[in-house]
Amino acid sequence: MREIVLDTETTGLRPSEGHRVIEIAAIELVDFLPTGKVYQQYINPMRDVPEASFKVHGLSYDFLKDKPLFEKIADDFLDFVGQDTIIAHNVDFDIGFLNHELSACGKESIKNKKVDTVSIAREKFPGQSVSLDALCKRFSIDNKEREIHSATIDTELLARVYIELMDARELSLDLNVKTQHASFESNFDIQKIQNRELATRLTDDDKELHKTFVETLGENAIWKKKEQYNNE
């Protein structure tokens, strides 16, 4: 099961007011395990970044003006996402902005299945704060680097939160885990044991010492039961 954990940063809250996407970050999970595949891109919004938004994410137009336009990165982003489920914190916000950008450059909207971690958290913890910071605190996830909003940092934190929300931490272990699959070939023949063809490595002295040791054990000792079984 492939899923994409995603976050965006924008110049404001509403694309209908001319606001644009300025950063996209995404992490690939397969069966709740991070694969190491990530997508991250800053984007030139072709407009100013309001001071209120700059205070949230720290991305200024001076920093963004030499970054590619959305239309230049759209295909690479869509290729990374594919047709798989998208997970985000308030997912409709992110998908709404992305679809507005896609529409502006003549591309089809994202129609992938969506998972909203806000909705999951509200269902699990009714009446409690479900902000990303609050959920990190609840799950003892270190978020000290999150001094400002960053799609890159927030996506990493959200992936950890999502795994906790889905009770899948034992499967994921760590976002830095790299799974390796190996096949092993063996010449070991179980029939040799079943047919008692393996030569013993015990000397007569070893057998006598073992017999003496077994006599010191209690009546219910597993070795005595084994001796009784062998003598039957």
Protein backbone atom coordinates (compact mmCIF):
# COMPACT_ATOMS: atom_id res chain seq x y z
CA MET A 1 0.00 0.00 0.00
CA ARG A 2 1.68 3.18 -1.23
CA GLU A 3 0.71 6.50 0.37
CA ILE A 4 2.00 10.05 0.02
CA VAL A 5 2.30 12.33 3.05
CA LEU A 6 2.13 15.89 1.76
CA ASP A 7 2.31 19.50 2.88
CA THR A 8 2.40 22.88 1.16
CA GLU A 9 3.30 26.43 2.06
CA THR A 10 1.43 29.29 0.40
CA THR A 11 1.39 33.07 0.18
CA GLY A 12 -1.99 33.18 1.92
CA LEU A 13 -5.11 31.28 2.83
CA ARG A 14 -7.27 31.44 -0.31
CA PRO A 15 -6.32 30.79 -3.93
CA SER A 16 -9.47 32.67 -4.95
CA GLU A 17 -7.76 35.81 -3.62
CA GLY A 18 -4.72 35.28 -5.82
CA HIS A 19 -2.56 33.41 -3.35
CA ARG A 20 -0.12 30.82 -4.65
CA VAL A 21 1.76 27.68 -3.60
CA ILE A 22 5.40 28.42 -2.77
CA GLU A 23 6.64 25.09 -1.40
CA ILE A 24 5.62 21.44 -1.80
CA ALA A 25 7.05 18.55 0.19
CA ALA A 26 6.01 14.90 0.09
CA ILE A 27 7.19 11.60 1.57
CA GLU A 28 6.45 8.14 0.18
CA LEU A 29 5.21 5.47 2.58
CA VAL A 30 4.66 1.84 1.63
CA ASP A 31 2.76 -0.21 4.22
CA PHE A 32 3.48 2.56 6.77
CA LEU A 33 7.22 2.32 6.10
CA PRO A 34 9.14 5.31 4.71
CA THR A 35 10.92 4.24 1.55
CA GLY A 36 13.40 7.11 1.51
CA LYS A 37 11.76 8.61 -1.59
CA VAL A 38 10.86 12.27 -1.08
CA TYR A 39 9.80 15.23 -3.15
CA GLN A 40 10.54 18.85 -2.25
CA GLN A 41 10.32 21.99 -4.33
CA TYR A 42 10.25 25.75 -3.74
CA ILE A 43 8.18 27.66 -6.31
CA ASN A 44 8.23 31.21 -7.65
CA PRO A 45 4.71 32.60 -6.97
CA MET A 46 5.15 35.57 -9.33
CA ARG A 47 3.77 37.82 -6.62
CA ASP A 48 4.69 39.26 -3.22
CA VAL A 49 4.58 37.28 0.01
CA PRO A 50 2.50 39.17 2.60
CA GLU A 51 4.23 39.93 5.88
CA ALA A 52 1.71 37.86 7.86
CA SER A 53 2.50 34.79 5.75
CA PHE A 54 6.25 35.42 5.87
CA LYS A 55 6.09 35.33 9.68
CA VAL A 56 4.52 31.87 9.48
CA HIS A 57 6.97 30.15 7.11
CA GLY A 58 9.87 32.56 6.60
CA LEU A 59 9.79 32.33 2.79
CA SER A 60 10.25 35.73 1.14
CA TYR A 61 9.81 36.66 -2.50
CA ASP A 62 13.52 37.53 -2.65
CA PHE A 63 14.26 33.90 -1.77
CA LEU A 64 11.64 32.51 -4.17
CA LYS A 65 12.09 34.74 -7.23
CA ASP A 66 14.73 32.53 -8.87
CA LYS A 67 12.83 29.29 -8.22
CA PRO A 68 10.88 27.55 -11.02
CA LEU A 69 7.27 28.39 -11.82
CA PHE A 70 4.62 25.84 -10.83
CA GLU A 71 3.99 24.90 -14.46
CA LYS A 72 7.63 23.85 -14.79
CA ILE A 73 7.49 21.43 -11.86
CA ALA A 74 3.91 20.19 -12.20
CA ASP A 75 4.68 17.03 -14.16
CA ASP A 76 7.48 15.93 -11.83
CA PHE A 77 5.21 16.47 -8.84
CA LEU A 78 2.33 14.54 -10.40
CA ASP A 79 4.68 11.70 -11.36
CA PHE A 80 5.84 11.43 -7.76
CA VAL A 81 2.32 11.37 -6.36
CA GLY A 82 0.93 8.99 -8.97
CA GLN A 83 -2.56 7.64 -8.27
CA ASP A 84 -1.93 6.82 -4.63
CA THR A 85 -3.58 8.09 -1.48
CA ILE A 86 -2.58 11.57 -0.30
CA ILE A 87 -2.34 12.22 3.43
CA ALA A 88 -2.24 15.77 4.78
CA HIS A 89 -3.17 17.78 7.85
CA ASN A 90 -6.32 19.55 6.66
CA VAL A 91 -5.96 17.86 3.30
CA ASP A 92 -8.62 19.88 1.51
CA PHE A 93 -6.54 23.04 1.99
CA ASP A 94 -3.47 21.57 0.32
CA ILE A 95 -5.34 19.80 -2.47
CA GLY A 96 -7.47 22.89 -3.10
CA PHE A 97 -4.38 25.03 -3.64
CA LEU A 98 -2.66 22.42 -5.78
CA ASN A 99 -5.73 21.94 -7.97
CA HIS A 100 -5.98 25.70 -8.44
CA GLU A 101 -2.36 25.75 -9.62
CA LEU A 102 -2.91 22.75 -11.89
CA SER A 103 -5.99 24.32 -13.43
CA ALA A 104 -4.08 27.55 -14.10
CA CYS A 105 -1.53 25.66 -16.19
CA GLY A 106 -4.11 23.57 -18.03
CA LYS A 107 -3.67 20.29 -16.19
CA GLU A 108 -6.27 17.97 -14.68
CA SER A 109 -7.10 18.20 -11.00
CA ILE A 110 -5.84 15.70 -8.45
CA LYS A 111 -8.51 13.07 -7.91
CA ASN A 112 -6.56 10.74 -5.63
CA LYS A 113 -8.08 9.32 -2.48
CA LYS A 114 -7.48 11.73 0.41
CA VAL A 115 -6.84 11.10 4.10
CA ASP A 116 -7.19 14.02 6.52
CA THR A 117 -5.13 13.55 9.68
CA VAL A 118 -7.10 16.36 11.35
CA SER A 119 -10.31 14.33 11.01
CA ILE A 120 -8.63 11.16 12.27
CA ALA A 121 -7.20 12.98 15.29
CA ARG A 122 -10.53 14.63 16.13
CA GLU A 123 -12.23 11.25 16.08
CA LYS A 124 -9.58 9.69 18.33
CA PHE A 125 -9.22 12.67 20.68
CA PRO A 126 -12.58 14.51 20.74
CA GLY A 127 -12.52 17.95 22.31
CA GLN A 128 -8.72 18.12 22.39
CA SER A 129 -6.28 20.12 20.30
CA VAL A 130 -5.33 18.36 17.09
CA SER A 131 -2.76 20.83 15.80
CA LEU A 132 0.44 19.27 14.51
CA ASP A 133 2.34 20.59 17.52
CA ALA A 134 -0.23 19.17 19.94
CA LEU A 135 -0.13 15.77 18.26
CA CYS A 136 3.68 15.74 18.30
CA LYS A 137 3.54 16.42 22.04
CA ARG A 138 0.95 13.68 22.58
CA PHE A 139 3.06 11.11 20.75
CA SER A 140 6.41 12.33 22.17
CA ILE A 141 7.66 13.31 18.72
CA ASP A 142 10.54 15.80 18.81
CA ASN A 143 9.43 18.94 16.99
CA LYS A 144 11.98 21.43 18.34
CA GLU A 145 13.13 22.25 14.79
CA ARG A 146 9.64 23.53 13.98
CA GLU A 147 10.30 27.15 14.97
CA ILE A 148 8.51 28.23 11.80
CA HIS A 149 6.27 26.32 9.42
CA SER A 150 8.16 24.44 6.75
CA ALA A 151 6.59 21.98 4.34
CA THR A 152 9.74 19.86 4.54
CA ILE A 153 9.80 19.64 8.34
CA ASP A 154 6.02 19.46 8.68
CA THR A 155 5.80 16.54 6.25
CA GLU A 156 8.37 14.56 8.23
CA LEU A 157 6.54 15.27 11.48
CA LEU A 158 3.15 14.48 9.94
CA ALA A 159 4.40 11.15 8.64
CA ARG A 160 5.35 10.21 12.21
CA VAL A 161 2.03 11.47 13.56
CA TYR A 162 0.08 9.57 10.90
CA ILE A 163 1.87 6.33 11.75
CA GLU A 164 0.95 6.86 15.42
CA LEU A 165 -2.65 7.73 14.61
CA MET A 166 -2.96 4.52 12.61
CA ASP A 167 -1.37 2.47 15.43
CA ALA A 168 1.30 1.35 12.96
CA ARG A 169 4.44 2.41 14.82
CA GLU A 170 5.63 -1.18 15.27
CA LEU A 171 5.57 -1.58 11.50
CA SER A 172 7.41 1.64 10.72
CA LEU A 173 9.98 1.64 13.57
CA ASP A 174 11.68 4.85 12.38
CA LEU A 175 11.39 7.22 9.45
CA ASN A 176 15.08 6.63 8.78
CA VAL A 177 14.74 2.87 8.57
CA LYS A 178 15.84 1.39 5.25
CA THR A 179 14.43 -2.04 4.66
CA GLN A 180 16.48 -4.60 2.82
CA HIS A 181 15.20 -7.84 1.44
CA ALA A 182 17.58 -10.73 1.07
CA SER A 183 17.14 -14.33 0.03
CA PHE A 184 19.30 -17.03 1.52
CA GLU A 185 20.12 -20.39 0.04
CA SER A 186 21.08 -23.27 2.25
CA ASN A 187 22.30 -26.81 1.73
CA PHE A 188 20.93 -27.79 5.12
CA ASP A 189 19.01 -31.07 4.89
CA ILE A 190 16.39 -31.62 7.59
CA GLN A 191 16.18 -35.27 6.57
CA LYS A 192 19.64 -35.86 8.03
CA ILE A 193 18.31 -34.98 11.46
CA GLN A 194 15.12 -36.91 11.03
CA ASN A 195 17.09 -39.99 9.90
CA ARG A 196 19.79 -39.42 12.58
CA GLU A 197 22.55 -39.40 9.96
CA LEU A 198 24.52 -36.59 11.62
CA ALA A 199 27.62 -37.82 13.37
CA THR A 200 27.71 -36.99 17.08
CA ARG A 201 30.39 -34.59 18.29
CA LEU A 202 30.21 -35.86 21.89
CA THR A 203 33.00 -38.04 23.27
CA ASP A 204 32.31 -40.80 25.81
CA ASP A 205 33.65 -38.49 28.55
CA ASP A 206 31.26 -35.73 27.42
CA LYS A 207 28.33 -38.14 27.60
CA GLU A 208 29.29 -39.28 31.10
CA LEU A 209 29.65 -35.69 32.34
CA HIS A 210 26.27 -34.82 30.86
CA LYS A 211 24.65 -37.85 32.53
CA THR A 212 26.10 -36.82 35.90
CA PHE A 213 24.81 -33.27 35.42
CA VAL A 214 21.31 -34.47 34.54
CA GLU A 215 21.15 -36.50 37.77
CA THR A 216 21.52 -33.27 39.74
CA LEU A 217 18.38 -31.76 38.16
CA GLY A 218 14.84 -31.92 39.49
CA GLU A 219 12.39 -34.60 38.41
CA ASN A 220 10.56 -32.13 36.08
CA ALA A 221 13.70 -30.95 34.31
CA ILE A 222 13.37 -30.92 30.54
CA TRP A 223 16.56 -32.97 30.16
CA LYS A 224 15.15 -35.82 32.29
CA LYS A 225 11.97 -35.85 30.26
CA LYS A 226 14.09 -36.02 27.11
CA GLU A 227 16.08 -38.98 28.52
CA GLN A 228 12.84 -40.79 29.38
CA TYR A 229 11.49 -40.13 25.89
CA ASN A 230 14.66 -41.46 24.25
CA ASN A 231 14.52 -44.65 26.37
CA GLU A 232 10.91 -45.42 25.49
